[in-house]
Amino acid sequence: MMRPVRLAGEQLIWGEGCLSHLATLEGKKAAIVLGGHSMQKAGFVDKAVEYLHQAGMEVVIFEGVEPDPHLSTVKRGAEFMLKEQPDWIIGMGGGSTMDAAKCMWVFYEHPELKKLSDFMRPNKVPPLRKKAKYCCIPSTSGTASEVSRSIVISDDETGAKIGIGDMEMMPDVAICDPLITSTMPRHITAQTGMDALTHAIEALTSTRAHFLSDVLATYAAKEIFEYLPKAYADGSDLNYREHMLNASMTAGLAFTNVSLGLVHSFAQTLGGMYVLPHGLGDAIILPYIVKFNYADPHAKAVYDKLAAEVGVDDLAKAITELNEKLGIPKTVAEALDTTEEEYMGRLSEIAIGALNDGCTKTAPIIPPQDVMEQLAKQIYLGE
């Protein structure tokens, strides 16, 4: 039976200059969560603070969220929230920052929770919004955390990436202003854009896919094939940036309702074992899994239909050619700082980790461990 669909939270706003929507929020204090210093250097944090002051709010800032945010960082942020008592939490930055702020929100609302397993399945995220609402302002066009029910947080000791999804964590407000994405470096534009394309393509072949998710994911994929190379070539063009940000958000609306597949399972597993940016991992792995899924008649029909709409003959080949335009390596071997011997010695660990990832259960083909090991080998060597 189909699951109920939820398209974002209370408010979803997009378009150049929509950061000003912050001035309409009602509250007493806002806590802005940041990663590095790029948002400050570009002047966007000052603008956000100004708009929040116009809304009559006091503003405090928590910064220093790292890529692939650690649980220790999240807990420090939650302690900061408990001290400051904001009634708005605003995650401003890439997916790592938005995920971390989302997780801080959970621990802030419920200090009795001590670890991620306290609200992982079979447990649920307890009711939120008793203390604060949550607003996301993405600085990249890829993760779609602004319209996602999910978070990915890294374990400090093992480095393992732990994913949790629950509609309770859907942000209340998402502000998608292309101006804020205009400062993205080219390699981040490429990697996050390919993450968004992976969201769209995996949503299309999810075993939970339905009419509405297909509409959203197809639109997003077509936009990304057209506008990602353009945004990569000229990141100052706000028209290209707006198309990409809207496509990323649209792909997010699709996948957060129907989930993903083996590309994310492998990328998240490898990202927890090695230093591999998530979008880069998705980009490299995507064409291999598309080829693998050709063995499923329904998935192949979906891919062939999308290929026709994009105007190409072979979807996997088109993805490979797009990666080449974006400077994406062809194999995982080119992206990882490890030896072939070390990697091959961990094939079973990689396969088991990917099989146990939550995204695998909606893949069109769920292979046995030995086949997963062969896939892990293939994406490394490029065979």
Foldseek 3Di string as FASTA:
>chain_A
DADDADWFAQAEDEEAPLLLCLLVDAFAEEEEEEADCPCVVVPNVVVNCVSPVNNVYHYHYDYHAYAQGAVVSLVVLLVVCLVVQTQEYEQEEAQSSLLSSLSSQLCNQPVVDDDPVCDAPVHHRPAGNPRYAYEYEYQALADLLQQAQKHWHAYPPQLATDMGGDNSSRHNYYYYHLVSNLPDALLRLQLRLQNLLQLLLFLLQFQSHDDQLVVLSLQLNLLSLPQSLVCSVPSNDSVSSRSSNSSSNSSNSRCNRRNGALQQLLLSLVVSNFVDRSSLSSLQLVLLVLVVCCVPVVSVVSQCVSCVVNVHRGNSVSSVVSCVSSVRDNAVQVVTPDDPVVQLVCLLVSLVSSLPDPRHVRHNDRDDSVVSSVSSVCRHVVD
